[in-house]
């Protein structure tokens, strides 16, 4: 939870109400997502593929993997869209 504030010393008045904090449902969801993130991180970093990459190039290869754009959506041809 965060305290609210009110500030009218700037060029405009800024106010934020106090935050009630996370409820039990929110906390459970965040915990579940963090657990899943950890599982996936272990899966990716321990995948047999990395044994094929030279040790001195693994950090660079993993960094490139993080910055790989998602695949493009498949394109439909004009005959496919007509059916």
PDB file of N, CA and C in Angstrom:
ATOM      1  N   UNK A   1       0.823  -1.199   0.000  1.00  0.00           N
ATOM      2  CA  UNK A   1       0.000   0.000   0.000  1.00  0.00           C
ATOM      3  C   UNK A   1       0.867   1.264   0.000  1.00  0.00           C
ATOM      4  N   UNK A   2       0.370   2.279  -0.650  1.00  0.00           N
ATOM      5  CA  UNK A   2       1.068   3.564  -0.696  1.00  0.00           C
ATOM      6  C   UNK A   2       0.151   4.650  -0.161  1.00  0.00           C
ATOM      7  N   UNK A   3       0.764   5.586   0.553  1.00  0.00           N
ATOM      8  CA  UNK A   3       0.000   6.730   1.035  1.00  0.00           C
ATOM      9  C   UNK A   3      -0.376   7.610  -0.150  1.00  0.00           C
ATOM     10  N   UNK A   4      -1.501   8.235  -0.068  1.00  0.00           N
ATOM     11  CA  UNK A   4      -1.898   9.188  -1.092  1.00  0.00           C
ATOM     12  C   UNK A   4      -1.140  10.491  -0.898  1.00  0.00           C
ATOM     13  N   UNK A   5      -1.237  11.375  -1.885  1.00  0.00           N
ATOM     14  CA  UNK A   5      -0.602  12.675  -1.735  1.00  0.00           C
ATOM     15  C   UNK A   5      -1.351  13.713  -2.546  1.00  0.00           C
ATOM     16  N   UNK A   6      -1.102  14.949  -2.199  1.00  0.00           N
ATOM     17  CA  UNK A   6      -1.664  16.080  -2.911  1.00  0.00           C
ATOM     18  C   UNK A   6      -0.570  17.133  -3.001  1.00  0.00           C
ATOM     19  N   UNK A   7      -0.330  17.625  -4.205  1.00  0.00           N
ATOM     20  CA  UNK A   7       0.719  18.617  -4.406  1.00  0.00           C
ATOM     21  C   UNK A   7       0.195  19.695  -5.343  1.00  0.00           C
ATOM     22  N   UNK A   8       0.123  20.919  -4.835  1.00  0.00           N
ATOM     23  CA  UNK A   8      -0.320  22.021  -5.684  1.00  0.00           C
ATOM     24  C   UNK A   8       0.765  23.081  -5.828  1.00  0.00           C
ATOM     25  N   UNK A   9       2.033  22.682  -5.668  1.00  0.00           N
ATOM     26  CA  UNK A   9       3.143  23.619  -5.805  1.00  0.00           C
ATOM     27  C   UNK A   9       3.672  23.697  -7.234  1.00  0.00           C
ATOM     28  N   UNK A  10       3.258  22.818  -8.098  1.00  0.00           N
ATOM     29  CA  UNK A  10       3.733  22.815  -9.483  1.00  0.00           C
ATOM     30  C   UNK A  10       2.825  23.636 -10.372  1.00  0.00           C
ATOM     31  N   UNK A  11       2.967  23.452 -11.660  1.00  0.00           N
ATOM     32  CA  UNK A  11       2.154  24.202 -12.618  1.00  0.00           C
ATOM     33  C   UNK A  11       0.718  23.700 -12.666  1.00  0.00           C
ATOM     34  N   UNK A  12       0.506  22.507 -12.096  1.00  0.00           N
ATOM     35  CA  UNK A  12      -0.858  21.993 -11.970  1.00  0.00           C
ATOM     36  C   UNK A  12      -0.956  21.155 -10.704  1.00  0.00           C
ATOM     37  N   UNK A  13      -2.127  21.017 -10.228  1.00  0.00           N
ATOM     38  CA  UNK A  13      -2.352  20.249  -9.005  1.00  0.00           C
ATOM     39  C   UNK A  13      -2.281  18.751  -9.336  1.00  0.00           C
ATOM     40  N   UNK A  14      -1.592  18.017  -8.498  1.00  0.00           N
ATOM     41  CA  UNK A  14      -1.458  16.574  -8.673  1.00  0.00           C
ATOM     42  C   UNK A  14      -1.952  15.898  -7.410  1.00  0.00           C
ATOM     43  N   UNK A  15      -2.836  14.934  -7.574  1.00  0.00           N
ATOM     44  CA  UNK A  15      -3.345  14.189  -6.429  1.00  0.00           C
ATOM     45  C   UNK A  15      -3.375  12.704  -6.763  1.00  0.00           C
ATOM     46  N   UNK A  16      -3.045  11.902  -5.798  1.00  0.00           N
ATOM     47  CA  UNK A  16      -3.160  10.455  -5.923  1.00  0.00           C
ATOM     48  C   UNK A  16      -3.803   9.936  -4.646  1.00  0.00           C
ATOM     49  N   UNK A  17      -4.835   9.133  -4.780  1.00  0.00           N
ATOM     50  CA  UNK A  17      -5.444   8.562  -3.584  1.00  0.00           C
ATOM     51  C   UNK A  17      -4.546   7.472  -2.994  1.00  0.00           C
ATOM     52  N   UNK A  18      -4.762   7.169  -1.756  1.00  0.00           N
ATOM     53  CA  UNK A  18      -4.003   6.098  -1.110  1.00  0.00           C
ATOM     54  C   UNK A  18      -4.348   4.769  -1.776  1.00  0.00           C
ATOM     55  N   UNK A  19      -3.353   3.922  -1.908  1.00  0.00           N
ATOM     56  CA  UNK A  19      -3.549   2.605  -2.506  1.00  0.00           C
ATOM     57  C   UNK A  19      -3.925   1.611  -1.410  1.00  0.00           C
ATOM     58  N   UNK A  20      -4.920   0.788  -1.660  1.00  0.00           N
ATOM     59  CA  UNK A  20      -5.301  -0.189  -0.645  1.00  0.00           C
ATOM     60  C   UNK A  20      -4.322  -1.356  -0.552  1.00  0.00           C
ATOM     61  N   UNK A  21      -3.406  -1.471  -1.500  1.00  0.00           N
ATOM     62  CA  UNK A  21      -2.469  -2.591  -1.493  1.00  0.00           C
ATOM     63  C   UNK A  21      -3.037  -3.783  -2.243  1.00  0.00           C
ATOM     64  N   UNK A  22      -2.309  -4.863  -2.222  1.00  0.00           N
ATOM     65  CA  UNK A  22      -2.735  -6.061  -2.923  1.00  0.00           C
ATOM     66  C   UNK A  22      -3.615  -6.904  -2.037  1.00  0.00           C
ATOM     67  N   UNK A  23      -4.655  -7.430  -2.626  1.00  0.00           N
ATOM     68  CA  UNK A  23      -5.501  -8.369  -1.921  1.00  0.00           C
ATOM     69  C   UNK A  23      -4.893  -9.762  -2.004  1.00  0.00           C
ATOM     70  N   UNK A  24      -5.494 -10.701  -1.320  1.00  0.00           N
ATOM     71  CA  UNK A  24      -4.983 -12.073  -1.305  1.00  0.00           C
ATOM     72  C   UNK A  24      -4.970 -12.678  -2.711  1.00  0.00           C
ATOM     73  N   UNK A  25      -5.987 -12.357  -3.509  1.00  0.00           N
ATOM     74  CA  UNK A  25      -6.062 -12.894  -4.875  1.00  0.00           C
ATOM     75  C   UNK A  25      -4.919 -12.357  -5.729  1.00  0.00           C
ATOM     76  N   UNK A  26      -4.636 -11.058  -5.605  1.00  0.00           N
ATOM     77  CA  UNK A  26      -3.530 -10.455  -6.355  1.00  0.00           C
ATOM     78  C   UNK A  26      -2.194 -11.062  -5.935  1.00  0.00           C
ATOM     79  N   UNK A  27      -1.996 -11.234  -4.637  1.00  0.00           N
ATOM     80  CA  UNK A  27      -0.747 -11.810  -4.138  1.00  0.00           C
ATOM     81  C   UNK A  27      -0.563 -13.232  -4.647  1.00  0.00           C
ATOM     82  N   UNK A  28      -1.644 -14.011  -4.664  1.00  0.00           N
ATOM     83  CA  UNK A  28      -1.564 -15.388  -5.149  1.00  0.00           C
ATOM     84  C   UNK A  28      -1.212 -15.417  -6.635  1.00  0.00           C
ATOM     85  N   UNK A  29      -1.813 -14.516  -7.415  1.00  0.00           N
ATOM     86  CA  UNK A  29      -1.535 -14.466  -8.849  1.00  0.00           C
ATOM     87  C   UNK A  29      -0.082 -14.079  -9.111  1.00  0.00           C
ATOM     88  N   UNK A  30       0.417 -13.082  -8.410  1.00  0.00           N
ATOM     89  CA  UNK A  30       1.808 -12.659  -8.593  1.00  0.00           C
ATOM     90  C   UNK A  30       2.757 -13.791  -8.204  1.00  0.00           C
ATOM     91  N   UNK A  31       2.465 -14.470  -7.122  1.00  0.00           N
ATOM     92  CA  UNK A  31       3.291 -15.597  -6.697  1.00  0.00           C
ATOM     93  C   UNK A  31       3.301 -16.692  -7.760  1.00  0.00           C
ATOM     94  N   UNK A  32       2.136 -16.988  -8.312  1.00  0.00           N
ATOM     95  CA  UNK A  32       2.024 -18.009  -9.362  1.00  0.00           C
ATOM     96  C   UNK A  32       2.824 -17.600 -10.597  1.00  0.00           C
ATOM     97  N   UNK A  33       2.711 -16.325 -11.003  1.00  0.00           N
ATOM     98  CA  UNK A  33       3.440 -15.846 -12.176  1.00  0.00           C
ATOM     99  C   UNK A  33       4.952 -15.857 -11.949  1.00  0.00           C
ATOM    100  N   UNK A  34       5.398 -15.507 -10.757  1.00  0.00           N
ATOM    101  CA  UNK A  34       6.838 -15.524 -10.464  1.00  0.00           C
ATOM    102  C   UNK A  34       7.377 -16.948 -10.463  1.00  0.00           C
ATOM    103  N   UNK A  35       6.588 -17.878  -9.948  1.00  0.00           N
ATOM    104  CA  UNK A  35       6.989 -19.285  -9.965  1.00  0.00           C
ATOM    105  C   UNK A  35       7.116 -19.773 -11.401  1.00  0.00           C
ATOM    106  N   UNK A  36       6.150 -19.426 -12.242  1.00  0.00           N
ATOM    107  CA  UNK A  36       6.182 -19.834 -13.649  1.00  0.00           C
ATOM    108  C   UNK A  36       7.364 -19.202 -14.370  1.00  0.00           C
ATOM    109  N   UNK A  37       7.649 -17.944 -14.069  1.00  0.00           N
ATOM    110  CA  UNK A  37       8.797 -17.270 -14.676  1.00  0.00           C
ATOM    111  C   UNK A  37      10.085 -18.010 -14.326  1.00  0.00           C
ATOM    112  N   UNK A  38      10.215 -18.415 -13.064  1.00  0.00           N
ATOM    113  CA  UNK A  38      11.402 -19.146 -12.625  1.00  0.00           C
ATOM    114  C   UNK A  38      11.508 -20.483 -13.354  1.00  0.00           C
ATOM    115  N   UNK A  39      10.386 -21.211 -13.456  1.00  0.00           N
ATOM    116  CA  UNK A  39      10.385 -22.503 -14.156  1.00  0.00           C
ATOM    117  C   UNK A  39      10.839 -22.341 -15.604  1.00  0.00           C
ATOM    118  N   UNK A  40      10.321 -21.321 -16.276  1.00  0.00           N
ATOM    119  CA  UNK A  40      10.692 -21.098 -17.671  1.00  0.00           C
ATOM    120  C   UNK A  40      12.153 -20.675 -17.809  1.00  0.00           C
ATOM    121  N   UNK A  41      12.646 -19.877 -16.872  1.00  0.00           N
ATOM    122  CA  UNK A  41      14.051 -19.460 -16.912  1.00  0.00           C
ATOM    123  C   UNK A  41      14.967 -20.671 -16.765  1.00  0.00           C
ATOM    124  N   UNK A  42      14.622 -21.568 -15.849  1.00  0.00           N
ATOM    125  CA  UNK A  42      15.415 -22.789 -15.673  1.00  0.00           C
ATOM    126  C   UNK A  42      15.345 -23.643 -16.937  1.00  0.00           C
ATOM    127  N   UNK A  43      14.150 -23.772 -17.507  1.00  0.00           N
ATOM    128  CA  UNK A  43      13.981 -24.567 -18.726  1.00  0.00           C
ATOM    129  C   UNK A  43      14.848 -24.032 -19.862  1.00  0.00           C
ATOM    130  N   UNK A  44      14.817 -22.727 -20.069  1.00  0.00           N
ATOM    131  CA  UNK A  44      15.570 -22.132 -21.179  1.00  0.00           C
ATOM    132  C   UNK A  44      17.071 -22.236 -20.936  1.00  0.00           C
ATOM    133  N   UNK A  45      17.522 -21.906 -19.736  1.00  0.00           N
ATOM    134  CA  UNK A  45      18.969 -21.882 -19.489  1.00  0.00           C
ATOM    135  C   UNK A  45      19.583 -23.269 -19.394  1.00  0.00           C
ATOM    136  N   UNK A  46      18.783 -24.289 -19.088  1.00  0.00           N
ATOM    137  CA  UNK A  46      19.338 -25.642 -18.981  1.00  0.00           C
ATOM    138  C   UNK A  46      18.977 -26.513 -20.189  1.00  0.00           C
ATOM    139  N   UNK A  47      18.422 -25.918 -21.237  1.00  0.00           N
ATOM    140  CA  UNK A  47      18.032 -26.668 -22.434  1.00  0.00           C
ATOM    141  C   UNK A  47      19.280 -27.251 -23.104  1.00  0.00           C
ATOM    142  N   UNK A  48      19.190 -28.479 -23.628  1.00  0.00           N
ATOM    143  CA  UNK A  48      20.347 -29.110 -24.277  1.00  0.00           C
ATOM    144  C   UNK A  48      20.949 -28.292 -25.428  1.00  0.00           C
ATOM    145  N   UNK A  49      20.184 -27.409 -26.016  1.00  0.00           N
ATOM    146  CA  UNK A  49      20.704 -26.572 -27.106  1.00  0.00           C
ATOM    147  C   UNK A  49      21.965 -25.830 -26.683  1.00  0.00           C
ATOM    148  N   UNK A  50      22.007 -25.362 -25.449  1.00  0.00           N
ATOM    149  CA  UNK A  50      23.128 -24.524 -25.028  1.00  0.00           C
ATOM    150  C   UNK A  50      24.441 -25.292 -24.971  1.00  0.00           C
ATOM    151  N   UNK A  51      24.385 -26.628 -24.905  1.00  0.00           N
ATOM    152  CA  UNK A  51      25.612 -27.421 -24.944  1.00  0.00           C
ATOM    153  C   UNK A  51      26.250 -27.360 -26.334  1.00  0.00           C
ATOM    154  N   UNK A  52      25.444 -27.071 -27.357  1.00  0.00           N
ATOM    155  CA  UNK A  52      25.949 -26.971 -28.727  1.00  0.00           C
ATOM    156  C   UNK A  52      26.614 -25.624 -28.999  1.00  0.00           C
ATOM    157  N   UNK A  53      26.360 -24.630 -28.163  1.00  0.00           N
ATOM    158  CA  UNK A  53      26.922 -23.292 -28.348  1.00  0.00           C
ATOM    159  C   UNK A  53      28.217 -23.204 -27.546  1.00  0.00           C
ATOM    160  N   UNK A  54      29.261 -22.713 -28.183  1.00  0.00           N
ATOM    161  CA  UNK A  54      30.542 -22.567 -27.487  1.00  0.00           C
ATOM    162  C   UNK A  54      30.354 -21.725 -26.231  1.00  0.00           C
ATOM    163  N   UNK A  55      31.012 -22.132 -25.159  1.00  0.00           N
ATOM    164  CA  UNK A  55      30.818 -21.483 -23.865  1.00  0.00           C
ATOM    165  C   UNK A  55      31.061 -19.979 -23.925  1.00  0.00           C
ATOM    166  N   UNK A  56      32.076 -19.557 -24.657  1.00  0.00           N
ATOM    167  CA  UNK A  56      32.382 -18.123 -24.707  1.00  0.00           C
ATOM    168  C   UNK A  56      31.345 -17.339 -25.519  1.00  0.00           C
ATOM    169  N   UNK A  57      30.455 -18.029 -26.248  1.00  0.00           N
ATOM    170  CA  UNK A  57      29.441 -17.342 -27.049  1.00  0.00           C
ATOM    171  C   UNK A  57      28.040 -17.461 -26.448  1.00  0.00           C
ATOM    172  N   UNK A  58      27.879 -18.183 -25.344  1.00  0.00           N
ATOM    173  CA  UNK A  58      26.544 -18.418 -24.779  1.00  0.00           C
ATOM    174  C   UNK A  58      25.870 -17.139 -24.302  1.00  0.00           C
ATOM    175  N   UNK A  59      26.608 -16.283 -23.629  1.00  0.00           N
ATOM    176  CA  UNK A  59      26.001 -15.041 -23.128  1.00  0.00           C
ATOM    177  C   UNK A  59      25.492 -14.198 -24.296  1.00  0.00           C
ATOM    178  N   UNK A  60      26.286 -14.098 -25.341  1.00  0.00           N
ATOM    179  CA  UNK A  60      25.871 -13.333 -26.523  1.00  0.00           C
ATOM    180  C   UNK A  60      24.648 -13.977 -27.184  1.00  0.00           C
ATOM    181  N   UNK A  61      24.645 -15.305 -27.287  1.00  0.00           N
ATOM    182  CA  UNK A  61      23.520 -16.010 -27.916  1.00  0.00           C
ATOM    183  C   UNK A  61      22.244 -15.843 -27.097  1.00  0.00           C
ATOM    184  N   UNK A  62      22.353 -15.916 -25.783  1.00  0.00           N
ATOM    185  CA  UNK A  62      21.175 -15.730 -24.930  1.00  0.00           C
ATOM    186  C   UNK A  62      20.663 -14.295 -25.020  1.00  0.00           C
ATOM    187  N   UNK A  63      21.589 -13.357 -25.124  1.00  0.00           N
ATOM    188  CA  UNK A  63      21.175 -11.959 -25.256  1.00  0.00           C
ATOM    189  C   UNK A  63      20.438 -11.741 -26.575  1.00  0.00           C
ATOM    190  N   UNK A  64      20.932 -12.337 -27.658  1.00  0.00           N
ATOM    191  CA  UNK A  64      20.245 -12.230 -28.949  1.00  0.00           C
ATOM    192  C   UNK A  64      18.859 -12.856 -28.869  1.00  0.00           C
ATOM    193  N   UNK A  65      18.734 -13.957 -28.145  1.00  0.00           N
ATOM    194  CA  UNK A  65      17.442 -14.617 -27.993  1.00  0.00           C
ATOM    195  C   UNK A  65      16.441 -13.695 -27.305  1.00  0.00           C
ATOM    196  N   UNK A  66      16.895 -12.924 -26.323  1.00  0.00           N
ATOM    197  CA  UNK A  66      16.003 -12.003 -25.608  1.00  0.00           C
ATOM    198  C   UNK A  66      15.485 -10.899 -26.520  1.00  0.00           C
ATOM    199  N   UNK A  67      16.243 -10.566 -27.548  1.00  0.00           N
ATOM    200  CA  UNK A  67      15.872  -9.457 -28.422  1.00  0.00           C
ATOM    201  C   UNK A  67      15.358  -9.922 -29.782  1.00  0.00           C
ATOM    202  N   UNK A  68      14.961 -11.179 -29.873  1.00  0.00           N
ATOM    203  CA  UNK A  68      14.415 -11.710 -31.115  1.00  0.00           C
ATOM    204  C   UNK A  68      12.966 -11.271 -31.255  1.00  0.00           C
ATOM    205  N   UNK A  69      12.608 -10.650 -32.373  1.00  0.00           N
ATOM    206  CA  UNK A  69      11.209 -10.225 -32.534  1.00  0.00           C
ATOM    207  C   UNK A  69      10.304 -11.444 -32.695  1.00  0.00           C
ATOM    208  N   UNK A  70       9.046 -11.323 -32.325  1.00  0.00           N
ATOM    209  CA  UNK A  70       8.126 -12.450 -32.493  1.00  0.00           C
ATOM    210  C   UNK A  70       7.922 -12.740 -33.976  1.00  0.00           C
ATOM    211  N   UNK A  71       7.584 -13.989 -34.303  1.00  0.00           N
ATOM    212  CA  UNK A  71       7.385 -14.309 -35.716  1.00  0.00           C
ATOM    213  C   UNK A  71       6.198 -13.545 -36.292  1.00  0.00           C
ATOM    214  N   UNK A  72       6.279 -13.256 -37.564  1.00  0.00           N
ATOM    215  CA  UNK A  72       5.189 -12.544 -38.241  1.00  0.00           C
ATOM    216  C   UNK A  72       3.992 -13.477 -38.399  1.00  0.00           C
ATOM    217  N   UNK A  73       2.822 -12.906 -38.426  1.00  0.00           N
ATOM    218  CA  UNK A  73       1.610 -13.693 -38.631  1.00  0.00           C
ATOM    219  C   UNK A  73       1.633 -14.265 -40.041  1.00  0.00           C
ATOM    220  N   UNK A  74       1.120 -15.484 -40.213  1.00  0.00           N
ATOM    221  CA  UNK A  74       1.114 -16.066 -41.559  1.00  0.00           C
ATOM    222  C   UNK A  74       0.272 -15.227 -42.516  1.00  0.00           C
ATOM    223  N   UNK A  75       0.755 -15.088 -43.722  1.00  0.00           N
ATOM    224  CA  UNK A  75       0.044 -14.298 -44.730  1.00  0.00           C
ATOM    225  C   UNK A  75      -0.930 -15.198 -45.467  1.00  0.00           C
ATOM    226  N   UNK A  76      -2.082 -14.677 -45.775  1.00  0.00           N
ATOM    227  CA  UNK A  76      -3.046 -15.432 -46.565  1.00  0.00           C
ATOM    228  C   UNK A  76      -2.974 -14.964 -48.007  1.00  0.00           C
ATOM    229  N   UNK A  77      -3.198 -15.892 -48.916  1.00  0.00           N
ATOM    230  CA  UNK A  77      -3.204 -15.525 -50.331  1.00  0.00           C
ATOM    231  C   UNK A  77      -4.605 -15.109 -50.721  1.00  0.00           C
ATOM    232  N   UNK A  78      -4.739 -14.519 -51.877  1.00  0.00           N
ATOM    233  CA  UNK A  78      -6.057 -14.046 -52.305  1.00  0.00           C
ATOM    234  C   UNK A  78      -7.025 -15.205 -52.510  1.00  0.00           C
ATOM    235  N   UNK A  79      -6.525 -16.398 -52.867  1.00  0.00           N
ATOM    236  CA  UNK A  79      -7.424 -17.544 -53.045  1.00  0.00           C
ATOM    237  C   UNK A  79      -7.907 -18.082 -51.705  1.00  0.00           C
ATOM    238  N   UNK A  80      -7.070 -17.993 -50.671  1.00  0.00           N
ATOM    239  CA  UNK A  80      -7.482 -18.457 -49.343  1.00  0.00           C
ATOM    240  C   UNK A  80      -8.548 -17.557 -48.752  1.00  0.00           C
ATOM    241  N   UNK A  81      -8.440 -16.256 -48.967  1.00  0.00           N
ATOM    242  CA  UNK A  81      -9.399 -15.335 -48.372  1.00  0.00           C
ATOM    243  C   UNK A  81     -10.730 -15.343 -49.108  1.00  0.00           C
ATOM    244  N   UNK A  82     -10.756 -15.863 -50.346  1.00  0.00           N
ATOM    245  CA  UNK A  82     -11.992 -15.888 -51.115  1.00  0.00           C
ATOM    246  C   UNK A  82     -12.896 -17.049 -50.723  1.00  0.00           C
ATOM    247  N   UNK A  83     -12.349 -18.050 -50.043  1.00  0.00           N
ATOM    248  CA  UNK A  83     -13.159 -19.220 -49.679  1.00  0.00           C
ATOM    249  C   UNK A  83     -13.845 -19.058 -48.376  1.00  0.00           C
TER     250      UNK A  83
END
